[in-house]
Amino acid sequence: MEEPKYRIRALHTDRTVTVYQAYRPGIGLPAAREGRFPAVWKRERMTWIKPSFLWMMYRSGWGAKEGQETVLAVEITREGFEWALRNACLSHYVRGFHPDRDAWKRELKRSPARVQWDPERDPRLAPLPYRSLQLGLAGEASRRYADEWTVSITDVTPLAHRVHALVRSGDVDGARALLPREKPYPEQEGLLDRVRVG
């Protein structure tokens, strides 16, 4: 069956969903050690979470880009994740989806979360024809993420390096076997109405 263009795929349980972020070690290592974001993590800034491990690898260069050397798997409550989605708007204007550009700008201003759909990636980080969710959290959403929704934080940098080494050596099947089991996220009615185009 063909993968729909816009669908959330994630590692999830009946209570939680895992998202990925990458930070400099000064933030990432204490976060993984304590299981929560340290005080130096700015709760008033927008933070982007990604349910796709391979999209995070693409964004962070397998954890090699400056300031993104520590890759974190952040397990958050599904309740929080879905609250953010229901209160999100698209990060860009889409003609025909939004009434007009001004209406989109107003929505963007009052929304504590925003969504981008970027091409999903394969193990070689080449783009795929379907999209991966990026969820930006600001203000209330960012604070809730750090202080209420986070269940656990794990440093998955060693996994990133192992998968990358296998891909580099040509063992793509071996790399694929190590990837987190991301499955279609169960969507309750209306969950993506504000952010899914078509």
N, C-alpha and C. Protein backbone atom coordinates (compact mmCIF):
# COMPACT_ATOMS: atom_id res chain seq x y z
N MET A 1 0.83 -1.20 0.00
CA MET A 1 0.00 0.00 0.00
C MET A 1 0.87 1.26 0.00
N GLU A 2 0.51 2.22 -0.82
CA GLU A 2 1.32 3.43 -0.93
C GLU A 2 1.17 4.30 0.32
N GLU A 3 2.30 4.84 0.74
CA GLU A 3 2.31 5.71 1.93
C GLU A 3 1.65 7.05 1.58
N PRO A 4 0.66 7.50 2.39
CA PRO A 4 0.06 8.82 2.10
C PRO A 4 1.10 9.93 2.28
N LYS A 5 0.90 11.01 1.56
CA LYS A 5 1.89 12.10 1.58
C LYS A 5 2.05 12.71 2.97
N TYR A 6 0.92 12.89 3.68
CA TYR A 6 0.98 13.51 5.01
C TYR A 6 0.46 12.53 6.05
N ARG A 7 1.36 11.96 6.83
CA ARG A 7 0.94 11.08 7.91
C ARG A 7 2.04 11.08 8.97
N ILE A 8 1.65 11.04 10.24
CA ILE A 8 2.64 10.96 11.31
C ILE A 8 3.05 9.50 11.48
N ARG A 9 4.33 9.27 11.42
CA ARG A 9 4.89 7.95 11.75
C ARG A 9 5.80 8.16 12.95
N ALA A 10 5.67 7.32 13.96
CA ALA A 10 6.43 7.53 15.19
C ALA A 10 6.54 6.24 15.99
N LEU A 11 7.55 6.20 16.83
CA LEU A 11 7.64 5.16 17.85
C LEU A 11 6.67 5.58 18.95
N HIS A 12 5.67 4.74 19.23
CA HIS A 12 4.69 5.16 20.25
C HIS A 12 4.15 3.95 21.01
N THR A 13 3.66 4.24 22.21
CA THR A 13 2.97 3.25 23.02
C THR A 13 1.53 3.76 23.17
N ASP A 14 0.75 3.09 24.00
CA ASP A 14 -0.62 3.59 24.18
C ASP A 14 -0.65 4.88 25.00
N ARG A 15 0.47 5.25 25.64
CA ARG A 15 0.50 6.45 26.47
C ARG A 15 1.48 7.53 25.97
N THR A 16 2.51 7.09 25.25
CA THR A 16 3.58 8.03 24.90
C THR A 16 3.94 7.99 23.42
N VAL A 17 4.65 9.03 23.00
CA VAL A 17 5.21 9.09 21.65
C VAL A 17 6.65 9.60 21.79
N THR A 18 7.56 9.05 20.97
CA THR A 18 8.96 9.45 21.04
C THR A 18 9.28 10.43 19.92
N VAL A 19 9.92 11.53 20.31
CA VAL A 19 10.35 12.55 19.35
C VAL A 19 11.85 12.76 19.53
N TYR A 20 12.48 13.38 18.54
CA TYR A 20 13.93 13.53 18.55
C TYR A 20 14.33 15.00 18.47
N GLN A 21 15.43 15.31 19.15
CA GLN A 21 16.05 16.63 19.09
C GLN A 21 17.56 16.43 19.18
N ALA A 22 18.32 17.42 18.75
CA ALA A 22 19.78 17.36 18.89
C ALA A 22 20.28 18.67 19.49
N TYR A 23 21.20 18.55 20.44
CA TYR A 23 21.70 19.71 21.18
C TYR A 23 23.21 19.63 21.34
N ARG A 24 23.79 20.74 21.74
CA ARG A 24 25.19 20.70 22.15
C ARG A 24 25.28 19.87 23.44
N PRO A 25 26.44 19.26 23.72
CA PRO A 25 26.55 18.40 24.90
C PRO A 25 26.20 19.10 26.21
N GLY A 26 26.43 20.41 26.31
CA GLY A 26 26.13 21.15 27.54
C GLY A 26 24.66 21.12 27.92
N ILE A 27 23.80 20.92 26.93
CA ILE A 27 22.36 20.77 27.20
C ILE A 27 21.96 19.30 27.12
N GLY A 28 22.39 18.62 26.06
CA GLY A 28 21.95 17.25 25.81
C GLY A 28 22.35 16.25 26.87
N LEU A 29 23.59 16.32 27.34
CA LEU A 29 24.06 15.33 28.32
C LEU A 29 23.36 15.46 29.67
N PRO A 30 23.25 16.68 30.24
CA PRO A 30 22.49 16.80 31.50
C PRO A 30 21.03 16.39 31.35
N ALA A 31 20.43 16.72 30.18
CA ALA A 31 19.02 16.35 29.96
C ALA A 31 18.85 14.84 30.01
N ALA A 32 19.75 14.11 29.35
CA ALA A 32 19.66 12.64 29.35
C ALA A 32 19.95 12.08 30.74
N ARG A 33 20.90 12.68 31.42
CA ARG A 33 21.28 12.19 32.76
C ARG A 33 20.15 12.39 33.77
N GLU A 34 19.51 13.56 33.72
CA GLU A 34 18.47 13.89 34.70
C GLU A 34 17.07 13.47 34.27
N GLY A 35 16.91 13.20 32.97
CA GLY A 35 15.58 12.86 32.46
C GLY A 35 14.66 14.06 32.34
N ARG A 36 15.24 15.24 32.39
CA ARG A 36 14.47 16.47 32.17
C ARG A 36 15.42 17.55 31.66
N PHE A 37 14.85 18.57 31.03
CA PHE A 37 15.70 19.62 30.47
C PHE A 37 16.26 20.52 31.57
N PRO A 38 17.56 20.84 31.48
CA PRO A 38 18.18 21.64 32.54
C PRO A 38 17.71 23.10 32.49
N ALA A 39 18.03 23.84 33.53
CA ALA A 39 17.60 25.24 33.64
C ALA A 39 18.12 26.07 32.47
N VAL A 40 19.29 25.70 31.94
CA VAL A 40 19.89 26.46 30.84
C VAL A 40 19.07 26.33 29.54
N TRP A 41 18.21 25.32 29.48
CA TRP A 41 17.32 25.13 28.32
C TRP A 41 16.24 26.21 28.37
N LYS A 42 16.19 27.06 27.36
CA LYS A 42 15.31 28.24 27.40
C LYS A 42 13.86 27.87 27.06
N ARG A 43 13.01 27.95 28.06
CA ARG A 43 11.61 27.56 27.87
C ARG A 43 10.81 28.58 27.07
N GLU A 44 11.34 29.80 26.92
CA GLU A 44 10.59 30.82 26.16
C GLU A 44 10.91 30.78 24.66
N ARG A 45 11.92 29.99 24.27
CA ARG A 45 12.28 29.91 22.86
C ARG A 45 11.50 28.81 22.15
N MET A 46 11.34 28.97 20.83
CA MET A 46 10.69 27.90 20.06
C MET A 46 11.64 26.71 19.97
N THR A 47 11.07 25.51 20.15
CA THR A 47 11.86 24.28 20.03
C THR A 47 11.14 23.36 19.05
N TRP A 48 11.90 22.68 18.20
CA TRP A 48 11.30 21.81 17.18
C TRP A 48 11.52 20.35 17.55
N ILE A 49 10.44 19.58 17.52
CA ILE A 49 10.52 18.14 17.81
C ILE A 49 10.15 17.36 16.55
N LYS A 50 10.78 16.20 16.40
CA LYS A 50 10.64 15.42 15.17
C LYS A 50 10.40 13.96 15.51
N PRO A 51 9.27 13.38 15.12
CA PRO A 51 9.03 11.96 15.40
C PRO A 51 9.86 11.01 14.52
N SER A 52 10.50 11.54 13.47
CA SER A 52 11.28 10.71 12.55
C SER A 52 12.76 10.70 12.93
N PHE A 53 13.27 9.53 13.28
CA PHE A 53 14.69 9.38 13.62
C PHE A 53 15.56 9.76 12.42
N LEU A 54 15.22 9.28 11.23
CA LEU A 54 16.07 9.55 10.06
C LEU A 54 16.01 11.02 9.65
N TRP A 55 14.86 11.69 9.85
CA TRP A 55 14.84 13.12 9.55
C TRP A 55 15.76 13.86 10.53
N MET A 56 15.80 13.41 11.78
CA MET A 56 16.71 14.01 12.75
C MET A 56 18.16 13.78 12.34
N MET A 57 18.45 12.60 11.78
CA MET A 57 19.81 12.31 11.31
C MET A 57 20.18 13.24 10.15
N TYR A 58 19.21 13.47 9.27
CA TYR A 58 19.43 14.38 8.15
C TYR A 58 19.71 15.80 8.68
N ARG A 59 18.90 16.23 9.64
CA ARG A 59 19.01 17.60 10.17
C ARG A 59 20.32 17.80 10.94
N SER A 60 20.73 16.77 11.68
CA SER A 60 21.91 16.92 12.55
C SER A 60 23.19 16.37 11.93
N GLY A 61 23.10 15.85 10.71
CA GLY A 61 24.29 15.24 10.10
C GLY A 61 24.80 14.05 10.91
N TRP A 62 23.85 13.20 11.32
CA TRP A 62 24.18 12.03 12.17
C TRP A 62 24.81 12.45 13.49
N GLY A 63 24.40 13.61 14.01
CA GLY A 63 24.94 14.08 15.28
C GLY A 63 26.34 14.65 15.15
N ALA A 64 26.71 15.10 13.94
CA ALA A 64 28.06 15.63 13.72
C ALA A 64 28.07 17.15 13.55
N LYS A 65 26.90 17.76 13.30
CA LYS A 65 26.87 19.22 13.10
C LYS A 65 27.14 19.94 14.41
N GLU A 66 27.80 21.07 14.30
CA GLU A 66 28.11 21.86 15.50
C GLU A 66 26.83 22.27 16.22
N GLY A 67 26.82 22.05 17.52
CA GLY A 67 25.65 22.39 18.33
C GLY A 67 24.58 21.33 18.32
N GLN A 68 24.81 20.23 17.57
CA GLN A 68 23.83 19.14 17.49
C GLN A 68 24.51 17.78 17.73
N GLU A 69 25.56 17.80 18.54
CA GLU A 69 26.37 16.59 18.73
C GLU A 69 25.72 15.54 19.64
N THR A 70 24.71 15.95 20.41
CA THR A 70 24.02 15.00 21.29
C THR A 70 22.58 14.84 20.81
N VAL A 71 22.28 13.63 20.34
CA VAL A 71 20.94 13.36 19.81
C VAL A 71 20.10 12.72 20.92
N LEU A 72 18.94 13.31 21.18
CA LEU A 72 18.07 12.85 22.26
C LEU A 72 16.79 12.24 21.71
N ALA A 73 16.37 11.13 22.32
CA ALA A 73 15.03 10.59 22.12
C ALA A 73 14.22 11.02 23.33
N VAL A 74 13.20 11.83 23.09
CA VAL A 74 12.39 12.38 24.19
C VAL A 74 11.01 11.73 24.13
N GLU A 75 10.72 10.96 25.16
CA GLU A 75 9.41 10.31 25.23
C GLU A 75 8.45 11.27 25.93
N ILE A 76 7.37 11.62 25.23
CA ILE A 76 6.40 12.55 25.80
C ILE A 76 5.01 11.91 25.82
N THR A 77 4.12 12.51 26.59
CA THR A 77 2.76 11.95 26.66
C THR A 77 2.05 12.18 25.33
N ARG A 78 1.25 11.22 24.95
CA ARG A 78 0.43 11.39 23.75
C ARG A 78 -0.56 12.53 23.95
N GLU A 79 -1.02 12.69 25.16
CA GLU A 79 -1.96 13.77 25.48
C GLU A 79 -1.34 15.13 25.14
N GLY A 80 -0.09 15.33 25.56
CA GLY A 80 0.60 16.59 25.27
C GLY A 80 0.87 16.78 23.78
N PHE A 81 1.33 15.73 23.13
CA PHE A 81 1.61 15.75 21.70
C PHE A 81 0.35 16.14 20.91
N GLU A 82 -0.77 15.54 21.29
CA GLU A 82 -2.01 15.81 20.57
C GLU A 82 -2.56 17.21 20.89
N TRP A 83 -2.33 17.67 22.12
CA TRP A 83 -2.72 19.05 22.46
C TRP A 83 -1.97 20.02 21.54
N ALA A 84 -0.67 19.78 21.36
CA ALA A 84 0.13 20.66 20.50
C ALA A 84 -0.39 20.62 19.06
N LEU A 85 -0.71 19.43 18.55
CA LEU A 85 -1.20 19.32 17.17
C LEU A 85 -2.54 20.03 16.99
N ARG A 86 -3.41 19.89 17.99
CA ARG A 86 -4.73 20.53 17.87
C ARG A 86 -4.65 22.05 18.01
N ASN A 87 -3.57 22.54 18.58
CA ASN A 87 -3.39 23.98 18.75
C ASN A 87 -2.32 24.56 17.82
N ALA A 88 -1.96 23.79 16.80
CA ALA A 88 -0.91 24.22 15.88
C ALA A 88 -1.49 24.85 14.63
N CYS A 89 -0.65 25.56 13.91
CA CYS A 89 -1.01 26.00 12.56
C CYS A 89 0.20 25.74 11.66
N LEU A 90 -0.01 25.78 10.37
CA LEU A 90 1.10 25.57 9.43
C LEU A 90 2.10 26.72 9.53
N SER A 91 3.37 26.40 9.37
CA SER A 91 4.41 27.43 9.49
C SER A 91 4.50 28.30 8.24
N HIS A 92 3.77 27.95 7.18
CA HIS A 92 3.78 28.75 5.95
C HIS A 92 2.35 28.87 5.40
N TYR A 93 2.15 29.92 4.64
CA TYR A 93 0.84 30.19 4.04
C TYR A 93 0.60 29.26 2.84
N VAL A 94 -0.61 28.68 2.78
CA VAL A 94 -0.99 27.84 1.64
C VAL A 94 -2.29 28.39 1.04
N ARG A 95 -2.20 28.86 -0.20
CA ARG A 95 -3.37 29.40 -0.90
C ARG A 95 -4.44 28.31 -1.03
N GLY A 96 -5.68 28.64 -0.70
CA GLY A 96 -6.77 27.68 -0.81
C GLY A 96 -7.01 26.90 0.47
N PHE A 97 -5.97 26.79 1.30
CA PHE A 97 -6.12 26.11 2.59
C PHE A 97 -6.47 27.15 3.65
N HIS A 98 -5.74 28.28 3.63
CA HIS A 98 -6.05 29.41 4.52
C HIS A 98 -6.96 30.38 3.76
N PRO A 99 -7.88 31.05 4.47
CA PRO A 99 -8.77 32.01 3.80
C PRO A 99 -7.98 33.07 3.02
N ASP A 100 -6.92 33.60 3.65
CA ASP A 100 -6.03 34.55 2.99
C ASP A 100 -4.77 34.68 3.84
N ARG A 101 -3.79 35.40 3.33
CA ARG A 101 -2.49 35.49 4.02
C ARG A 101 -2.62 36.15 5.40
N ASP A 102 -3.47 37.16 5.51
CA ASP A 102 -3.65 37.85 6.80
C ASP A 102 -4.26 36.92 7.84
N ALA A 103 -5.23 36.10 7.41
CA ALA A 103 -5.85 35.14 8.34
C ALA A 103 -4.81 34.15 8.84
N TRP A 104 -3.93 33.68 7.93
CA TRP A 104 -2.85 32.77 8.34
C TRP A 104 -1.91 33.45 9.33
N LYS A 105 -1.56 34.71 9.07
CA LYS A 105 -0.65 35.43 9.98
C LYS A 105 -1.25 35.57 11.37
N ARG A 106 -2.55 35.84 11.44
CA ARG A 106 -3.23 35.95 12.74
C ARG A 106 -3.20 34.60 13.47
N GLU A 107 -3.45 33.56 12.72
CA GLU A 107 -3.45 32.22 13.31
C GLU A 107 -2.05 31.87 13.83
N LEU A 108 -1.05 32.21 13.03
CA LEU A 108 0.35 31.93 13.41
C LEU A 108 0.71 32.66 14.71
N LYS A 109 0.24 33.88 14.83
CA LYS A 109 0.55 34.71 16.00
C LYS A 109 -0.03 34.12 17.29
N ARG A 110 -1.24 33.57 17.20
CA ARG A 110 -1.89 33.10 18.43
C ARG A 110 -1.66 31.61 18.70
N SER A 111 -1.04 30.89 17.76
CA SER A 111 -0.85 29.44 17.95
C SER A 111 0.43 29.15 18.72
N PRO A 112 0.37 28.32 19.77
CA PRO A 112 1.56 27.98 20.53
C PRO A 112 2.41 26.90 19.86
N ALA A 113 1.92 26.39 18.72
CA ALA A 113 2.67 25.35 18.01
C ALA A 113 2.51 25.56 16.51
N ARG A 114 3.52 25.10 15.76
CA ARG A 114 3.42 25.17 14.30
C ARG A 114 3.97 23.90 13.67
N VAL A 115 3.50 23.63 12.48
CA VAL A 115 3.84 22.38 11.80
C VAL A 115 4.49 22.65 10.46
N GLN A 116 5.53 21.88 10.18
CA GLN A 116 6.11 21.82 8.84
C GLN A 116 6.09 20.36 8.41
N TRP A 117 5.87 20.14 7.13
CA TRP A 117 5.94 18.78 6.56
C TRP A 117 7.12 18.77 5.60
N ASP A 118 8.16 18.05 5.96
CA ASP A 118 9.36 17.97 5.13
C ASP A 118 9.54 16.56 4.60
N PRO A 119 10.21 16.40 3.45
CA PRO A 119 10.37 15.05 2.89
C PRO A 119 11.01 14.08 3.90
N GLU A 120 10.36 12.94 4.09
CA GLU A 120 10.95 11.88 4.91
C GLU A 120 12.25 11.42 4.24
N ARG A 121 13.10 10.75 4.97
CA ARG A 121 14.42 10.35 4.46
C ARG A 121 14.58 8.84 4.54
N ASP A 122 15.39 8.30 3.63
CA ASP A 122 15.74 6.88 3.72
C ASP A 122 17.07 6.75 4.48
N PRO A 123 17.57 5.54 4.72
CA PRO A 123 18.80 5.42 5.52
C PRO A 123 20.03 6.13 4.93
N ARG A 124 20.00 6.39 3.63
CA ARG A 124 21.11 7.17 3.03
C ARG A 124 20.80 8.67 3.09
N LEU A 125 19.68 9.01 3.70
CA LEU A 125 19.19 10.38 3.89
C LEU A 125 18.72 11.04 2.60
N ALA A 126 18.43 10.22 1.60
CA ALA A 126 17.83 10.75 0.37
C ALA A 126 16.35 11.01 0.64
N PRO A 127 15.77 12.04 0.00
CA PRO A 127 14.35 12.35 0.24
C PRO A 127 13.42 11.29 -0.33
N LEU A 128 12.33 11.04 0.38
CA LEU A 128 11.29 10.12 -0.05
C LEU A 128 10.09 10.93 -0.53
N PRO A 129 9.14 10.32 -1.27
CA PRO A 129 8.04 11.09 -1.83
C PRO A 129 6.97 11.49 -0.82
N TYR A 130 7.05 11.01 0.42
CA TYR A 130 6.06 11.40 1.43
C TYR A 130 6.73 12.21 2.52
N ARG A 131 5.91 12.83 3.35
CA ARG A 131 6.39 13.87 4.26
C ARG A 131 6.51 13.41 5.71
N SER A 132 7.38 14.09 6.42
CA SER A 132 7.63 13.83 7.84
C SER A 132 7.24 15.07 8.64
N LEU A 133 6.62 14.86 9.79
CA LEU A 133 6.17 15.97 10.63
C LEU A 133 7.32 16.61 11.41
N GLN A 134 7.37 17.94 11.38
CA GLN A 134 8.21 18.70 12.31
C GLN A 134 7.25 19.58 13.10
N LEU A 135 7.35 19.53 14.41
CA LEU A 135 6.40 20.26 15.27
C LEU A 135 7.17 21.28 16.11
N GLY A 136 6.89 22.55 15.86
CA GLY A 136 7.54 23.63 16.60
C GLY A 136 6.70 24.05 17.79
N LEU A 137 7.34 24.14 18.95
CA LEU A 137 6.63 24.48 20.18
C LEU A 137 7.15 25.81 20.71
N ALA A 138 6.22 26.72 21.02
CA ALA A 138 6.61 28.03 21.55
C ALA A 138 5.72 28.37 22.75
N GLY A 139 6.19 29.30 23.56
CA GLY A 139 5.37 29.79 24.67
C GLY A 139 4.85 28.68 25.57
N GLU A 140 3.53 28.64 25.70
CA GLU A 140 2.91 27.66 26.59
C GLU A 140 3.27 26.23 26.19
N ALA A 141 3.31 25.96 24.89
CA ALA A 141 3.61 24.60 24.42
C ALA A 141 5.03 24.19 24.79
N SER A 142 5.97 25.10 24.62
CA SER A 142 7.37 24.81 24.95
C SER A 142 7.54 24.53 26.45
N ARG A 143 6.89 25.33 27.28
CA ARG A 143 6.98 25.13 28.73
C ARG A 143 6.34 23.80 29.14
N ARG A 144 5.18 23.50 28.56
CA ARG A 144 4.50 22.24 28.89
C ARG A 144 5.34 21.04 28.46
N TYR A 145 5.94 21.16 27.29
CA TYR A 145 6.80 20.09 26.78
C TYR A 145 7.91 19.76 27.78
N ALA A 146 8.59 20.80 28.23
CA ALA A 146 9.73 20.60 29.13
C ALA A 146 9.31 20.15 30.53
N ASP A 147 8.22 20.70 31.03
CA ASP A 147 7.90 20.53 32.45
C ASP A 147 6.72 19.62 32.76
N GLU A 148 5.90 19.30 31.74
CA GLU A 148 4.73 18.45 32.00
C GLU A 148 4.69 17.19 31.13
N TRP A 149 5.02 17.34 29.84
CA TRP A 149 4.81 16.22 28.93
C TRP A 149 5.96 15.21 28.91
N THR A 150 7.17 15.65 29.25
CA THR A 150 8.33 14.78 29.11
C THR A 150 8.30 13.65 30.14
N VAL A 151 8.35 12.43 29.63
CA VAL A 151 8.34 11.22 30.47
C VAL A 151 9.77 10.70 30.67
N SER A 152 10.57 10.70 29.60
CA SER A 152 11.96 10.26 29.71
C SER A 152 12.78 10.89 28.59
N ILE A 153 14.09 11.00 28.83
CA ILE A 153 15.02 11.52 27.82
C ILE A 153 16.21 10.56 27.74
N THR A 154 16.50 10.09 26.54
CA THR A 154 17.58 9.12 26.34
C THR A 154 18.56 9.66 25.31
N ASP A 155 19.86 9.52 25.60
CA ASP A 155 20.90 9.90 24.65
C ASP A 155 21.03 8.78 23.61
N VAL A 156 20.63 9.06 22.38
CA VAL A 156 20.71 8.04 21.33
C VAL A 156 21.83 8.35 20.33
N THR A 157 22.78 9.18 20.75
CA THR A 157 23.92 9.48 19.88
C THR A 157 24.69 8.23 19.48
N PRO A 158 24.96 7.28 20.42
CA PRO A 158 25.66 6.06 20.01
C PRO A 158 24.90 5.28 18.93
N LEU A 159 23.57 5.24 19.03
CA LEU A 159 22.76 4.57 18.01
C LEU A 159 22.92 5.29 16.67
N ALA A 160 22.88 6.62 16.69
CA ALA A 160 23.06 7.40 15.46
C ALA A 160 24.39 7.05 14.79
N HIS A 161 25.44 6.96 15.59
CA HIS A 161 26.77 6.67 15.04
C HIS A 161 26.86 5.23 14.50
N ARG A 162 26.20 4.29 15.19
CA ARG A 162 26.21 2.88 14.72
C ARG A 162 25.48 2.76 13.39
N VAL A 163 24.30 3.38 13.31
CA VAL A 163 23.52 3.31 12.07
C VAL A 163 24.30 3.97 10.93
N HIS A 164 24.91 5.11 11.21
CA HIS A 164 25.68 5.82 10.18
C HIS A 164 26.85 4.97 9.69
N ALA A 165 27.54 4.31 10.62
CA ALA A 165 28.69 3.47 10.24
C ALA A 165 28.24 2.33 9.32
N LEU A 166 27.10 1.73 9.62
CA LEU A 166 26.58 0.65 8.78
C LEU A 166 26.20 1.17 7.39
N VAL A 167 25.55 2.32 7.34
CA VAL A 167 25.20 2.91 6.04
C VAL A 167 26.47 3.19 5.24
N ARG A 168 27.47 3.77 5.89
CA ARG A 168 28.74 4.10 5.21
C ARG A 168 29.42 2.85 4.67
N SER A 169 29.30 1.74 5.41
CA SER A 169 29.97 0.50 4.98
C SER A 169 29.15 -0.24 3.91
N GLY A 170 27.96 0.28 3.59
CA GLY A 170 27.14 -0.34 2.56
C GLY A 170 26.11 -1.33 3.10
N ASP A 171 26.07 -1.50 4.42
CA ASP A 171 25.12 -2.45 5.01
C ASP A 171 23.82 -1.72 5.38
N VAL A 172 23.05 -1.35 4.37
CA VAL A 172 21.83 -0.58 4.60
C VAL A 172 20.78 -1.42 5.33
N ASP A 173 20.72 -2.72 5.01
CA ASP A 173 19.77 -3.60 5.70
C ASP A 173 20.10 -3.70 7.19
N GLY A 174 21.40 -3.80 7.50
CA GLY A 174 21.83 -3.83 8.90
C GLY A 174 21.49 -2.54 9.61
N ALA A 175 21.65 -1.41 8.91
CA ALA A 175 21.30 -0.10 9.48
C ALA A 175 19.81 -0.03 9.73
N ARG A 176 19.03 -0.49 8.75
CA ARG A 176 17.57 -0.44 8.87
C ARG A 176 17.08 -1.25 10.07
N ALA A 177 17.76 -2.37 10.33
CA ALA A 177 17.36 -3.24 11.44
C ALA A 177 17.51 -2.57 12.80
N LEU A 178 18.40 -1.58 12.89
CA LEU A 178 18.63 -0.88 14.17
C LEU A 178 17.70 0.31 14.38
N LEU A 179 16.99 0.71 13.33
CA LEU A 179 16.17 1.93 13.43
C LEU A 179 14.99 1.73 14.38
N PRO A 180 14.59 2.80 15.07
CA PRO A 180 13.38 2.73 15.90
C PRO A 180 12.18 2.32 15.05
N ARG A 181 11.28 1.53 15.63
CA ARG A 181 10.11 1.02 14.89
C ARG A 181 9.02 2.10 14.82
N GLU A 182 9.11 2.92 13.82
CA GLU A 182 8.14 4.00 13.64
C GLU A 182 6.95 3.50 12.83
N LYS A 183 5.77 3.59 13.43
CA LYS A 183 4.54 3.12 12.79
C LYS A 183 3.56 4.28 12.66
N PRO A 184 2.57 4.15 11.77
CA PRO A 184 1.57 5.22 11.67
C PRO A 184 0.96 5.53 13.04
N TYR A 185 0.91 6.81 13.35
CA TYR A 185 0.36 7.25 14.63
C TYR A 185 -1.16 7.24 14.54
N PRO A 186 -1.85 6.65 15.53
CA PRO A 186 -3.31 6.60 15.47
C PRO A 186 -3.92 8.00 15.60
N GLU A 187 -4.66 8.36 14.59
CA GLU A 187 -5.23 9.72 14.55
C GLU A 187 -6.67 9.73 15.00
N GLN A 188 -6.95 10.47 16.04
CA GLN A 188 -8.35 10.70 16.39
C GLN A 188 -8.91 11.73 15.42
N GLU A 189 -10.21 11.72 15.26
CA GLU A 189 -10.86 12.60 14.29
C GLU A 189 -10.48 14.06 14.54
N GLY A 190 -10.10 14.72 13.47
CA GLY A 190 -9.81 16.16 13.55
C GLY A 190 -8.42 16.51 14.01
N LEU A 191 -7.59 15.51 14.34
CA LEU A 191 -6.29 15.80 14.95
C LEU A 191 -5.42 16.69 14.06
N LEU A 192 -5.45 16.45 12.76
CA LEU A 192 -4.56 17.21 11.86
C LEU A 192 -5.32 18.17 10.95
N ASP A 193 -6.57 18.46 11.29
CA ASP A 193 -7.39 19.31 10.42
C ASP A 193 -6.75 20.68 10.17
N ARG A 194 -6.07 21.21 11.16
CA ARG A 194 -5.51 22.57 11.04
C ARG A 194 -4.18 22.58 10.30
N VAL A 195 -3.56 21.40 10.12
CA VAL A 195 -2.18 21.39 9.64
C VAL A 195 -1.92 20.45 8.46
N ARG A 196 -2.92 19.70 8.05
CA ARG A 196 -2.68 18.78 6.92
C ARG A 196 -3.35 19.36 5.67
N VAL A 197 -2.53 19.58 4.66
CA VAL A 197 -3.03 20.14 3.40
C VAL A 197 -3.41 18.99 2.48
N GLY A 198 -4.68 18.90 2.12
CA GLY A 198 -5.11 17.86 1.18
C GLY A 198 -5.15 16.47 1.79
